[in-house]
Amino acid sequence: MAARTLSGLMVAAALVFAIVMPAVASAQAPAPAPTSDGTSVDQCIAYLLMIVALVLTYVIHPLDASSPYKLF
């Protein structure tokens, strides 16, 4: 009988803590707004350089292919 009373008391205490503790806990501040950290700028520059390289490749390659000289 004592074990049953003790377990009931523990369950009641757990319920009280489960209800009261979240209300007592302080709310966290919202996260700050994201800012540009430079990696997105670096990625943009890298993409632009890749596009320039691709365009130059397709502009220069036909000139090499139609050349009378055997370059490759």
PDB file of N, CA and C in Angstrom:
ATOM      1  N   MET A   1       0.824  -1.192   0.000  1.00  0.00           N
ATOM      2  CA  MET A   1       0.000   0.000   0.000  1.00  0.00           C
ATOM      3  C   MET A   1       0.869   1.258   0.000  1.00  0.00           C
ATOM      4  N   ALA A   2       1.986   1.221   0.718  1.00  0.00           N
ATOM      5  CA  ALA A   2       2.879   2.382   0.785  1.00  0.00           C
ATOM      6  C   ALA A   2       3.535   2.634  -0.568  1.00  0.00           C
ATOM      7  N   ALA A   3       3.831   1.539  -1.281  1.00  0.00           N
ATOM      8  CA  ALA A   3       4.451   1.693  -2.603  1.00  0.00           C
ATOM      9  C   ALA A   3       3.479   2.349  -3.573  1.00  0.00           C
ATOM     10  N   ARG A   4       2.210   2.005  -3.436  1.00  0.00           N
ATOM     11  CA  ARG A   4       1.203   2.591  -4.319  1.00  0.00           C
ATOM     12  C   ARG A   4       1.033   4.083  -4.025  1.00  0.00           C
ATOM     13  N   THR A   5       1.044   4.449  -2.772  1.00  0.00           N
ATOM     14  CA  THR A   5       0.933   5.855  -2.386  1.00  0.00           C
ATOM     15  C   THR A   5       2.158   6.634  -2.857  1.00  0.00           C
ATOM     16  N   LEU A   6       3.323   6.009  -2.717  1.00  0.00           N
ATOM     17  CA  LEU A   6       4.561   6.660  -3.139  1.00  0.00           C
ATOM     18  C   LEU A   6       4.585   6.862  -4.658  1.00  0.00           C
ATOM     19  N   SER A   7       4.146   5.850  -5.401  1.00  0.00           N
ATOM     20  CA  SER A   7       4.134   5.984  -6.861  1.00  0.00           C
ATOM     21  C   SER A   7       3.087   7.019  -7.293  1.00  0.00           C
ATOM     22  N   GLY A   8       1.956   7.079  -6.603  1.00  0.00           N
ATOM     23  CA  GLY A   8       0.944   8.095  -6.905  1.00  0.00           C
ATOM     24  C   GLY A   8       1.470   9.495  -6.629  1.00  0.00           C
ATOM     25  N   LEU A   9       2.216   9.629  -5.547  1.00  0.00           N
ATOM     26  CA  LEU A   9       2.814  10.918  -5.210  1.00  0.00           C
ATOM     27  C   LEU A   9       3.855  11.329  -6.257  1.00  0.00           C
ATOM     28  N   MET A  10       4.628  10.362  -6.736  1.00  0.00           N
ATOM     29  CA  MET A  10       5.637  10.649  -7.761  1.00  0.00           C
ATOM     30  C   MET A  10       4.973  11.047  -9.078  1.00  0.00           C
ATOM     31  N   VAL A  11       3.873  10.373  -9.431  1.00  0.00           N
ATOM     32  CA  VAL A  11       3.147  10.720 -10.652  1.00  0.00           C
ATOM     33  C   VAL A  11       2.564  12.120 -10.529  1.00  0.00           C
ATOM     34  N   ALA A  12       1.999  12.450  -9.379  1.00  0.00           N
ATOM     35  CA  ALA A  12       1.431  13.780  -9.165  1.00  0.00           C
ATOM     36  C   ALA A  12       2.522  14.849  -9.245  1.00  0.00           C
ATOM     37  N   ALA A  13       3.680  14.571  -8.655  1.00  0.00           N
ATOM     38  CA  ALA A  13       4.787  15.532  -8.713  1.00  0.00           C
ATOM     39  C   ALA A  13       5.268  15.706 -10.154  1.00  0.00           C
ATOM     40  N   ALA A  14       5.332  14.606 -10.910  1.00  0.00           N
ATOM     41  CA  ALA A  14       5.761  14.688 -12.308  1.00  0.00           C
ATOM     42  C   ALA A  14       4.773  15.521 -13.121  1.00  0.00           C
ATOM     43  N   LEU A  15       3.483  15.347 -12.876  1.00  0.00           N
ATOM     44  CA  LEU A  15       2.479  16.142 -13.587  1.00  0.00           C
ATOM     45  C   LEU A  15       2.585  17.626 -13.240  1.00  0.00           C
ATOM     46  N   VAL A  16       2.807  17.922 -11.967  1.00  0.00           N
ATOM     47  CA  VAL A  16       2.944  19.321 -11.556  1.00  0.00           C
ATOM     48  C   VAL A  16       4.164  19.945 -12.236  1.00  0.00           C
ATOM     49  N   PHE A  17       5.289  19.226 -12.221  1.00  0.00           N
ATOM     50  CA  PHE A  17       6.491  19.749 -12.879  1.00  0.00           C
ATOM     51  C   PHE A  17       6.287  19.893 -14.385  1.00  0.00           C
ATOM     52  N   ALA A  18       5.575  18.956 -14.991  1.00  0.00           N
ATOM     53  CA  ALA A  18       5.347  19.014 -16.436  1.00  0.00           C
ATOM     54  C   ALA A  18       4.482  20.211 -16.813  1.00  0.00           C
ATOM     55  N   ILE A  19       3.600  20.612 -15.929  1.00  0.00           N
ATOM     56  CA  ILE A  19       2.722  21.748 -16.220  1.00  0.00           C
ATOM     57  C   ILE A  19       3.382  23.073 -15.849  1.00  0.00           C
ATOM     58  N   VAL A  20       4.067  23.114 -14.715  1.00  0.00           N
ATOM     59  CA  VAL A  20       4.603  24.369 -14.192  1.00  0.00           C
ATOM     60  C   VAL A  20       5.929  24.756 -14.855  1.00  0.00           C
ATOM     61  N   MET A  21       6.816  23.810 -15.093  1.00  0.00           N
ATOM     62  CA  MET A  21       8.166  24.137 -15.563  1.00  0.00           C
ATOM     63  C   MET A  21       8.189  24.846 -16.927  1.00  0.00           C
ATOM     64  N   PRO A  22       7.407  24.440 -17.923  1.00  0.00           N
ATOM     65  CA  PRO A  22       7.445  25.200 -19.181  1.00  0.00           C
ATOM     66  C   PRO A  22       6.973  26.643 -19.019  1.00  0.00           C
ATOM     67  N   ALA A  23       6.049  26.875 -18.092  1.00  0.00           N
ATOM     68  CA  ALA A  23       5.567  28.234 -17.868  1.00  0.00           C
ATOM     69  C   ALA A  23       6.631  29.085 -17.180  1.00  0.00           C
ATOM     70  N   VAL A  24       7.470  28.462 -16.365  1.00  0.00           N
ATOM     71  CA  VAL A  24       8.498  29.193 -15.631  1.00  0.00           C
ATOM     72  C   VAL A  24       9.706  29.487 -16.522  1.00  0.00           C
ATOM     73  N   ALA A  25       9.975  28.605 -17.449  1.00  0.00           N
ATOM     74  CA  ALA A  25      11.152  28.771 -18.310  1.00  0.00           C
ATOM     75  C   ALA A  25      11.032  30.066 -19.109  1.00  0.00           C
ATOM     76  N   SER A  26      12.138  30.770 -19.191  1.00  0.00           N
ATOM     77  CA  SER A  26      12.111  32.033 -19.932  1.00  0.00           C
ATOM     78  C   SER A  26      12.111  31.751 -21.431  1.00  0.00           C
ATOM     79  N   ALA A  27      11.370  32.559 -22.139  1.00  0.00           N
ATOM     80  CA  ALA A  27      11.282  32.396 -23.590  1.00  0.00           C
ATOM     81  C   ALA A  27      12.587  32.862 -24.225  1.00  0.00           C
ATOM     82  N   GLN A  28      13.033  32.124 -25.230  1.00  0.00           N
ATOM     83  CA  GLN A  28      14.259  32.506 -25.920  1.00  0.00           C
ATOM     84  C   GLN A  28      13.976  33.669 -26.861  1.00  0.00           C
ATOM     85  N   ALA A  29      14.968  34.497 -27.024  1.00  0.00           N
ATOM     86  CA  ALA A  29      14.837  35.625 -27.941  1.00  0.00           C
ATOM     87  C   ALA A  29      14.821  35.104 -29.378  1.00  0.00           C
ATOM     88  N   PRO A  30      14.106  35.776 -30.251  1.00  0.00           N
ATOM     89  CA  PRO A  30      14.080  35.321 -31.648  1.00  0.00           C
ATOM     90  C   PRO A  30      15.461  35.457 -32.286  1.00  0.00           C
ATOM     91  N   ALA A  31      15.709  34.628 -33.251  1.00  0.00           N
ATOM     92  CA  ALA A  31      16.999  34.656 -33.941  1.00  0.00           C
ATOM     93  C   ALA A  31      17.126  35.951 -34.741  1.00  0.00           C
ATOM     94  N   PRO A  32      18.327  36.482 -34.822  1.00  0.00           N
ATOM     95  CA  PRO A  32      18.495  37.711 -35.605  1.00  0.00           C
ATOM     96  C   PRO A  32      18.278  37.450 -37.089  1.00  0.00           C
ATOM     97  N   ALA A  33      17.948  38.488 -37.795  1.00  0.00           N
ATOM     98  CA  ALA A  33      17.707  38.365 -39.234  1.00  0.00           C
ATOM     99  C   ALA A  33      19.000  37.957 -39.933  1.00  0.00           C
ATOM    100  N   PRO A  34      18.906  37.082 -40.923  1.00  0.00           N
ATOM    101  CA  PRO A  34      20.124  36.660 -41.614  1.00  0.00           C
ATOM    102  C   PRO A  34      20.742  37.816 -42.403  1.00  0.00           C
ATOM    103  N   THR A  35      22.052  37.839 -42.399  1.00  0.00           N
ATOM    104  CA  THR A  35      22.769  38.870 -43.138  1.00  0.00           C
ATOM    105  C   THR A  35      23.681  38.213 -44.153  1.00  0.00           C
ATOM    106  N   SER A  36      24.098  38.966 -45.121  1.00  0.00           N
ATOM    107  CA  SER A  36      25.014  38.443 -46.135  1.00  0.00           C
ATOM    108  C   SER A  36      26.392  38.312 -45.501  1.00  0.00           C
ATOM    109  N   ASP A  37      26.944  37.113 -45.541  1.00  0.00           N
ATOM    110  CA  ASP A  37      28.229  36.881 -44.892  1.00  0.00           C
ATOM    111  C   ASP A  37      29.388  36.806 -45.873  1.00  0.00           C
ATOM    112  N   GLY A  38      29.153  37.078 -47.107  1.00  0.00           N
ATOM    113  CA  GLY A  38      30.225  37.067 -48.081  1.00  0.00           C
ATOM    114  C   GLY A  38      30.314  35.790 -48.878  1.00  0.00           C
ATOM    115  N   THR A  39      29.832  34.682 -48.327  1.00  0.00           N
ATOM    116  CA  THR A  39      29.905  33.435 -49.091  1.00  0.00           C
ATOM    117  C   THR A  39      28.957  33.475 -50.276  1.00  0.00           C
ATOM    118  N   SER A  40      27.828  34.138 -50.121  1.00  0.00           N
ATOM    119  CA  SER A  40      26.912  34.244 -51.262  1.00  0.00           C
ATOM    120  C   SER A  40      27.503  35.146 -52.342  1.00  0.00           C
ATOM    121  N   VAL A  41      28.251  36.160 -51.938  1.00  0.00           N
ATOM    122  CA  VAL A  41      28.915  37.031 -52.910  1.00  0.00           C
ATOM    123  C   VAL A  41      29.997  36.244 -53.640  1.00  0.00           C
ATOM    124  N   ASP A  42      30.776  35.457 -52.897  1.00  0.00           N
ATOM    125  CA  ASP A  42      31.810  34.628 -53.517  1.00  0.00           C
ATOM    126  C   ASP A  42      31.200  33.628 -54.491  1.00  0.00           C
ATOM    127  N   GLN A  43      30.082  33.054 -54.114  1.00  0.00           N
ATOM    128  CA  GLN A  43      29.428  32.083 -54.984  1.00  0.00           C
ATOM    129  C   GLN A  43      28.921  32.764 -56.256  1.00  0.00           C
ATOM    130  N   CYS A  44      28.407  33.962 -56.141  1.00  0.00           N
ATOM    131  CA  CYS A  44      27.933  34.703 -57.313  1.00  0.00           C
ATOM    132  C   CYS A  44      29.092  35.008 -58.258  1.00  0.00           C
ATOM    133  N   ILE A  45      30.214  35.429 -57.714  1.00  0.00           N
ATOM    134  CA  ILE A  45      31.389  35.708 -58.544  1.00  0.00           C
ATOM    135  C   ILE A  45      31.871  34.437 -59.223  1.00  0.00           C
ATOM    136  N   ALA A  46      31.859  33.326 -58.500  1.00  0.00           N
ATOM    137  CA  ALA A  46      32.293  32.053 -59.088  1.00  0.00           C
ATOM    138  C   ALA A  46      31.379  31.647 -60.241  1.00  0.00           C
ATOM    139  N   TYR A  47      30.077  31.800 -60.070  1.00  0.00           N
ATOM    140  CA  TYR A  47      29.146  31.464 -61.152  1.00  0.00           C
ATOM    141  C   TYR A  47      29.361  32.372 -62.365  1.00  0.00           C
ATOM    142  N   LEU A  48      29.574  33.646 -62.126  1.00  0.00           N
ATOM    143  CA  LEU A  48      29.813  34.558 -63.240  1.00  0.00           C
ATOM    144  C   LEU A  48      31.087  34.191 -63.994  1.00  0.00           C
ATOM    145  N   LEU A  49      32.139  33.839 -63.252  1.00  0.00           N
ATOM    146  CA  LEU A  49      33.382  33.442 -63.911  1.00  0.00           C
ATOM    147  C   LEU A  49      33.204  32.151 -64.701  1.00  0.00           C
ATOM    148  N   MET A  50      32.412  31.219 -64.177  1.00  0.00           N
ATOM    149  CA  MET A  50      32.162  29.979 -64.926  1.00  0.00           C
ATOM    150  C   MET A  50      31.378  30.262 -66.204  1.00  0.00           C
ATOM    151  N   ILE A  51      30.419  31.169 -66.138  1.00  0.00           N
ATOM    152  CA  ILE A  51      29.646  31.514 -67.338  1.00  0.00           C
ATOM    153  C   ILE A  51      30.543  32.192 -68.368  1.00  0.00           C
ATOM    154  N   VAL A  52      31.419  33.088 -67.908  1.00  0.00           N
ATOM    155  CA  VAL A  52      32.351  33.741 -68.831  1.00  0.00           C
ATOM    156  C   VAL A  52      33.265  32.712 -69.476  1.00  0.00           C
ATOM    157  N   ALA A  53      33.773  31.760 -68.694  1.00  0.00           N
ATOM    158  CA  ALA A  53      34.641  30.720 -69.247  1.00  0.00           C
ATOM    159  C   ALA A  53      33.885  29.862 -70.256  1.00  0.00           C
ATOM    160  N   LEU A  54      32.647  29.546 -69.969  1.00  0.00           N
ATOM    161  CA  LEU A  54      31.846  28.735 -70.888  1.00  0.00           C
ATOM    162  C   LEU A  54      31.587  29.481 -72.195  1.00  0.00           C
ATOM    163  N   VAL A  55      31.243  30.751 -72.104  1.00  0.00           N
ATOM    164  CA  VAL A  55      30.988  31.547 -73.306  1.00  0.00           C
ATOM    165  C   VAL A  55      32.266  31.685 -74.127  1.00  0.00           C
ATOM    166  N   LEU A  56      33.375  31.968 -73.468  1.00  0.00           N
ATOM    167  CA  LEU A  56      34.634  32.091 -74.202  1.00  0.00           C
ATOM    168  C   LEU A  56      35.019  30.776 -74.862  1.00  0.00           C
ATOM    169  N   THR A  57      34.765  29.672 -74.196  1.00  0.00           N
ATOM    170  CA  THR A  57      35.080  28.369 -74.777  1.00  0.00           C
ATOM    171  C   THR A  57      34.292  28.156 -76.056  1.00  0.00           C
ATOM    172  N   TYR A  58      33.010  28.453 -76.038  1.00  0.00           N
ATOM    173  CA  TYR A  58      32.187  28.233 -77.222  1.00  0.00           C
ATOM    174  C   TYR A  58      32.391  29.309 -78.282  1.00  0.00           C
ATOM    175  N   VAL A  59      32.944  30.455 -77.931  1.00  0.00           N
ATOM    176  CA  VAL A  59      33.256  31.474 -78.928  1.00  0.00           C
ATOM    177  C   VAL A  59      34.587  31.153 -79.598  1.00  0.00           C
ATOM    178  N   ILE A  60      35.579  30.725 -78.822  1.00  0.00           N
ATOM    179  CA  ILE A  60      36.917  30.475 -79.357  1.00  0.00           C
ATOM    180  C   ILE A  60      36.995  29.122 -80.052  1.00  0.00           C
ATOM    181  N   HIS A  61      36.299  28.119 -79.566  1.00  0.00           N
ATOM    182  CA  HIS A  61      36.417  26.769 -80.129  1.00  0.00           C
ATOM    183  C   HIS A  61      36.030  26.696 -81.609  1.00  0.00           C
ATOM    184  N   PRO A  62      34.945  27.312 -82.064  1.00  0.00           N
ATOM    185  CA  PRO A  62      34.654  27.257 -83.509  1.00  0.00           C
ATOM    186  C   PRO A  62      35.750  27.921 -84.346  1.00  0.00           C
ATOM    187  N   LEU A  63      36.388  28.932 -83.803  1.00  0.00           N
ATOM    188  CA  LEU A  63      37.478  29.570 -84.542  1.00  0.00           C
ATOM    189  C   LEU A  63      38.650  28.608 -84.707  1.00  0.00           C
ATOM    190  N   ASP A  64      38.939  27.817 -83.661  1.00  0.00           N
ATOM    191  CA  ASP A  64      40.005  26.822 -83.745  1.00  0.00           C
ATOM    192  C   ASP A  64      39.622  25.707 -84.707  1.00  0.00           C
ATOM    193  N   ALA A  65      38.374  25.316 -84.707  1.00  0.00           N
ATOM    194  CA  ALA A  65      37.934  24.199 -85.541  1.00  0.00           C
ATOM    195  C   ALA A  65      37.977  24.561 -87.019  1.00  0.00           C
ATOM    196  N   SER A  66      37.716  25.821 -87.335  1.00  0.00           N
ATOM    197  CA  SER A  66      37.716  26.221 -88.742  1.00  0.00           C
ATOM    198  C   SER A  66      39.084  26.711 -89.206  1.00  0.00           C
ATOM    199  N   SER A  67      40.048  26.722 -88.314  1.00  0.00           N
ATOM    200  CA  SER A  67      41.387  27.189 -88.661  1.00  0.00           C
ATOM    201  C   SER A  67      42.094  26.175 -89.562  1.00  0.00           C
ATOM    202  N   PRO A  68      42.868  26.643 -90.550  1.00  0.00           N
ATOM    203  CA  PRO A  68      43.613  25.708 -91.406  1.00  0.00           C
ATOM    204  C   PRO A  68      44.773  25.057 -90.661  1.00  0.00           C
ATOM    205  N   TYR A  69      45.133  25.602 -89.511  1.00  0.00           N
ATOM    206  CA  TYR A  69      46.228  25.033 -88.732  1.00  0.00           C
ATOM    207  C   TYR A  69      45.704  23.904 -87.860  1.00  0.00           C
ATOM    208  N   LYS A  70      46.441  22.844 -87.744  1.00  0.00           N
ATOM    209  CA  LYS A  70      46.064  21.719 -86.879  1.00  0.00           C
ATOM    210  C   LYS A  70      46.631  21.982 -85.481  1.00  0.00           C
ATOM    211  N   LEU A  71      45.818  22.587 -84.650  1.00  0.00           N
ATOM    212  CA  LEU A  71      46.284  22.920 -83.307  1.00  0.00           C
ATOM    213  C   LEU A  71      46.191  21.729 -82.365  1.00  0.00           C
ATOM    214  N   PHE A  72      45.220  20.864 -82.595  1.00  0.00           N
ATOM    215  CA  PHE A  72      45.036  19.727 -81.687  1.00  0.00           C
ATOM    216  C   PHE A  72      44.983  18.448 -82.469  1.00  0.00           C
TER     217      PHE A  72
END
